[in-house]
Amino acid sequence: MYKTKYLYAKRLLNITIIVGVLEILLSFGGAIWKNYSVDRPINDIYSIIEKNMGNGSNPITDTMKNNLKDKVDKSFAIDYVTLQIFDKNNKYINTDKNLKYDYNYTPRMNIDEFGNSRPKILLKIVAYAQNSKEIEIKGSNKGILVSTETRDISFIIFQIVPILLLIYWVLFAIWASINSVNNKRSIIWIFVFILLNVVGYLIYYLDGRSLINKID
């Protein structure tokens, strides 16, 4: 019976450790993904515009367009980039109703998607976010409104993490409780494990060592 209890507790602990490690890896993985695949490409878009900007009469250069196109093509997270020129009174220079943007590149989207109509299944997996920034055109009273849309899967990762944390917390509390019952310790420790988890088990372990020392 003791051997059976030991093997059961050991397997439970192994599962608990696996769940805990997976939860930690997903937490770091989601943060790293968001930084490198979402935040950095957006900042790179702004940097390309600032470095390759022309003068007030022709701010959107061919070099800028080519570099923006290359950046969007290589980025999984960026769906589109659009540019609108405006003056200091926040009036857009382009008054053609049929041409909303002075420049737009939307390789992964159709007209419906550009109007923010997405398949419901896709919306459950991917989070879409619109980003915008006004960049001044040096030497003029004009500026460029840069708009981008990003697709981000890190949000679903961060939804899974709390679930894994809860599973880990419960499994560890069960394992620690089995351990304390097998060692004929007070039932109060079960509530300590539920509330404090690893910290509670550390207190339990130190208290056990103290008790052993007293008996010795």
Protein backbone atom coordinates (compact mmCIF):
# COMPACT_ATOMS: atom_id res chain seq x y z
CA MET A 1 0.00 0.00 0.00
CA TYR A 2 2.83 2.37 0.85
CA LYS A 3 4.52 1.63 -2.50
CA THR A 4 1.27 2.29 -4.38
CA LYS A 5 0.78 5.60 -2.58
CA TYR A 6 4.39 6.57 -3.29
CA LEU A 7 4.13 5.79 -7.02
CA TYR A 8 0.80 7.64 -7.32
CA ALA A 9 2.18 10.69 -5.53
CA LYS A 10 5.34 10.64 -7.65
CA ARG A 11 3.40 10.53 -10.91
CA LEU A 12 1.11 13.29 -9.72
CA LEU A 13 4.14 15.42 -8.86
CA ASN A 14 5.66 14.79 -12.30
CA ILE A 15 2.44 15.89 -14.00
CA THR A 16 2.31 18.96 -11.76
CA ILE A 17 5.88 19.92 -12.67
CA ILE A 18 5.17 19.47 -16.40
CA VAL A 19 2.08 21.70 -16.19
CA GLY A 20 4.01 24.31 -14.19
CA VAL A 21 6.93 24.37 -16.63
CA LEU A 22 4.55 24.59 -19.59
CA GLU A 23 2.77 27.52 -17.97
CA ILE A 24 6.08 29.36 -17.43
CA LEU A 25 7.27 28.67 -20.98
CA LEU A 26 3.99 29.91 -22.47
CA SER A 27 4.16 33.07 -20.35
CA PHE A 28 7.65 33.93 -21.57
CA GLY A 29 6.86 32.73 -25.09
CA GLY A 30 3.79 34.97 -25.36
CA ALA A 31 5.73 38.01 -24.14
CA ILE A 32 8.63 37.33 -26.50
CA TRP A 33 6.27 36.73 -29.43
CA LYS A 34 4.45 40.02 -28.84
CA ASN A 35 7.72 41.94 -28.59
CA TYR A 36 9.48 40.52 -31.63
CA SER A 37 6.55 39.73 -33.93
CA VAL A 38 4.15 42.59 -33.17
CA ASP A 39 5.70 45.58 -31.38
CA ARG A 40 9.06 45.66 -33.18
CA PRO A 41 7.65 45.46 -36.74
CA ILE A 42 5.35 48.41 -36.00
CA ASN A 43 8.29 50.49 -34.76
CA ASP A 44 10.25 49.42 -37.84
CA ILE A 45 7.40 50.76 -40.02
CA TYR A 46 7.65 54.15 -38.32
CA SER A 47 11.44 54.11 -38.64
CA ILE A 48 11.26 53.35 -42.39
CA ILE A 49 8.92 56.30 -42.95
CA GLU A 50 11.08 58.71 -40.97
CA LYS A 51 14.33 57.65 -42.67
CA ASN A 52 13.00 57.54 -46.24
CA MET A 53 10.69 60.54 -46.14
CA GLY A 54 10.93 63.09 -48.96
CA ASN A 55 10.11 66.80 -48.90
CA GLY A 56 6.78 68.52 -48.36
CA SER A 57 5.78 68.30 -52.01
CA ASN A 58 6.65 64.59 -52.31
CA PRO A 59 6.97 63.03 -48.83
CA ILE A 60 6.10 59.45 -49.86
CA THR A 61 9.09 58.32 -51.89
CA ASP A 62 9.51 55.17 -53.97
CA THR A 63 12.22 53.99 -51.57
CA MET A 64 9.77 54.33 -48.69
CA LYS A 65 7.12 52.36 -50.56
CA ASN A 66 9.52 49.57 -51.46
CA ASN A 67 10.86 49.29 -47.91
CA LEU A 68 7.35 49.30 -46.44
CA LYS A 69 6.25 46.63 -48.89
CA ASP A 70 9.28 44.50 -48.04
CA LYS A 71 8.66 44.89 -44.30
CA VAL A 72 4.98 43.95 -44.48
CA ASP A 73 5.72 40.96 -46.72
CA LYS A 74 8.26 39.61 -44.25
CA SER A 75 6.13 40.24 -41.17
CA PHE A 76 3.49 37.73 -40.08
CA ALA A 77 1.82 40.21 -37.74
CA ILE A 78 1.26 43.23 -40.00
CA ASP A 79 -1.80 43.02 -42.26
CA TYR A 80 -1.61 46.44 -43.84
CA VAL A 81 -0.01 49.88 -43.73
CA THR A 82 -1.69 53.07 -44.98
CA LEU A 83 -0.41 56.65 -45.23
CA GLN A 84 -2.43 59.85 -45.28
CA ILE A 85 -0.88 63.29 -45.72
CA PHE A 86 -2.40 66.15 -43.70
CA ASP A 87 -1.55 69.79 -43.06
CA LYS A 88 -1.15 71.68 -39.78
CA ASN A 89 -4.92 72.26 -39.62
CA ASN A 90 -5.42 68.48 -39.63
CA LYS A 91 -6.96 68.66 -43.10
CA TYR A 92 -6.12 65.76 -45.35
CA ILE A 93 -4.49 66.83 -48.59
CA ASN A 94 -6.07 64.09 -50.67
CA THR A 95 -9.66 65.18 -51.34
CA ASP A 96 -10.50 62.46 -53.89
CA LYS A 97 -13.44 60.56 -52.37
CA ASN A 98 -12.56 57.43 -54.35
CA LEU A 99 -8.99 57.41 -53.03
CA LYS A 100 -8.99 57.46 -49.25
CA TYR A 101 -5.26 56.93 -48.75
CA ASP A 102 -2.19 58.52 -50.29
CA TYR A 103 -0.55 55.13 -50.01
CA ASN A 104 -1.80 51.74 -48.87
CA TYR A 105 -0.42 48.24 -49.00
CA THR A 106 -2.78 45.42 -48.01
CA PRO A 107 -1.35 42.12 -49.27
CA ARG A 108 -3.27 39.81 -46.92
CA MET A 109 -6.69 41.44 -46.98
CA ASN A 110 -9.66 41.80 -49.27
CA ILE A 111 -12.16 44.66 -49.32
CA ASP A 112 -14.42 43.08 -46.68
CA GLU A 113 -11.53 42.50 -44.28
CA PHE A 114 -10.35 46.07 -44.77
CA GLY A 115 -13.75 47.09 -43.46
CA ASN A 116 -13.00 45.06 -40.31
CA SER A 117 -15.30 42.17 -41.22
CA ARG A 118 -13.52 39.00 -40.07
CA PRO A 119 -14.48 35.32 -40.01
CA LYS A 120 -15.78 34.46 -36.54
CA ILE A 121 -13.50 31.44 -36.19
CA LEU A 122 -10.46 33.58 -36.98
CA LEU A 123 -11.48 36.18 -34.40
CA LYS A 124 -11.39 33.50 -31.67
CA ILE A 125 -7.74 32.74 -32.42
CA VAL A 126 -6.28 36.02 -33.63
CA ALA A 127 -6.57 39.46 -32.04
CA TYR A 128 -6.53 42.35 -34.49
CA ALA A 129 -5.40 45.80 -33.40
CA GLN A 130 -5.24 49.09 -35.27
CA ASN A 131 -2.28 51.34 -34.58
CA SER A 132 -1.65 54.88 -35.75
CA LYS A 133 0.98 57.57 -35.40
CA GLU A 134 1.41 61.08 -36.80
CA ILE A 135 4.89 61.76 -38.19
CA GLU A 136 5.92 65.32 -39.00
CA ILE A 137 7.29 66.09 -42.47
CA LYS A 138 10.39 68.14 -41.76
CA GLY A 139 10.61 71.53 -43.41
CA SER A 140 6.86 71.80 -44.02
CA ASN A 141 3.56 72.29 -42.26
CA LYS A 142 2.45 68.81 -43.21
CA GLY A 143 2.52 65.41 -41.59
CA ILE A 144 1.82 61.77 -42.36
CA LEU A 145 -0.77 59.75 -40.50
CA VAL A 146 0.53 56.18 -40.42
CA SER A 147 -2.06 53.45 -39.80
CA THR A 148 -1.29 49.78 -39.42
CA GLU A 149 -3.19 46.70 -38.37
CA THR A 150 -1.55 43.81 -36.57
CA ARG A 151 -2.63 40.24 -36.00
CA ASP A 152 -1.59 38.86 -32.64
CA ILE A 153 -1.88 35.29 -31.37
CA SER A 154 -0.24 35.99 -28.02
CA PHE A 155 -3.62 36.92 -26.48
CA ILE A 156 -4.83 33.31 -26.76
CA ILE A 157 -1.57 32.19 -25.14
CA PHE A 158 -2.22 34.51 -22.21
CA GLN A 159 -5.73 33.05 -21.94
CA ILE A 160 -4.31 29.53 -21.66
CA VAL A 161 -1.71 30.51 -19.04
CA PRO A 162 -4.23 31.22 -16.19
CA ILE A 163 -5.92 27.87 -16.89
CA LEU A 164 -2.60 26.04 -16.67
CA LEU A 165 -1.76 27.97 -13.50
CA LEU A 166 -5.05 26.87 -11.93
CA ILE A 167 -4.44 23.23 -12.93
CA TYR A 168 -0.91 23.37 -11.54
CA TRP A 169 -2.11 25.00 -8.29
CA VAL A 170 -4.75 22.30 -7.71
CA LEU A 171 -2.45 19.39 -8.59
CA PHE A 172 0.34 20.64 -6.37
CA ALA A 173 -2.08 21.18 -3.47
CA ILE A 174 -3.37 17.61 -3.92
CA TRP A 175 0.15 16.16 -4.04
CA ALA A 176 1.29 18.12 -0.99
CA SER A 177 -1.87 17.11 0.89
CA ILE A 178 -1.30 13.42 0.10
CA ASN A 179 2.27 13.80 1.31
CA SER A 180 1.20 15.41 4.57
CA VAL A 181 -1.54 12.79 5.19
CA ASN A 182 0.93 9.96 4.56
CA ASN A 183 3.26 11.55 7.12
CA LYS A 184 0.35 11.85 9.58
CA ARG A 185 0.62 15.62 9.81
CA SER A 186 -2.20 17.96 10.81
CA ILE A 187 -5.11 18.46 8.40
CA ILE A 188 -4.51 22.21 8.71
CA TRP A 189 -1.61 21.81 6.25
CA ILE A 190 -4.09 20.99 3.49
CA PHE A 191 -5.58 24.47 3.77
CA VAL A 192 -2.06 25.95 3.86
CA PHE A 193 -1.23 24.20 0.57
CA ILE A 194 -4.46 25.39 -1.04
CA LEU A 195 -3.81 29.00 -0.04
CA LEU A 196 -0.02 29.28 -0.36
CA ASN A 197 0.92 26.38 -2.67
CA VAL A 198 4.74 26.09 -2.97
CA VAL A 199 5.32 28.66 -0.22
CA GLY A 200 3.02 26.66 2.05
CA TYR A 201 4.91 23.45 1.26
CA LEU A 202 8.21 25.17 2.04
CA ILE A 203 6.81 26.16 5.45
CA TYR A 204 5.57 22.58 5.90
CA TYR A 205 9.01 21.19 5.01
CA LEU A 206 10.89 23.56 7.34
CA ASP A 207 8.43 22.81 10.14
CA GLY A 208 8.99 19.07 9.57
CA ARG A 209 12.78 19.49 9.69
CA SER A 210 12.44 21.47 12.92
CA LEU A 211 10.28 18.68 14.41
CA ILE A 212 12.87 16.03 13.42
CA ASN A 213 15.65 18.06 15.03
CA LYS A 214 13.68 18.31 18.27
CA ILE A 215 13.10 14.54 18.31
CA ASP A 216 16.82 13.92 17.68
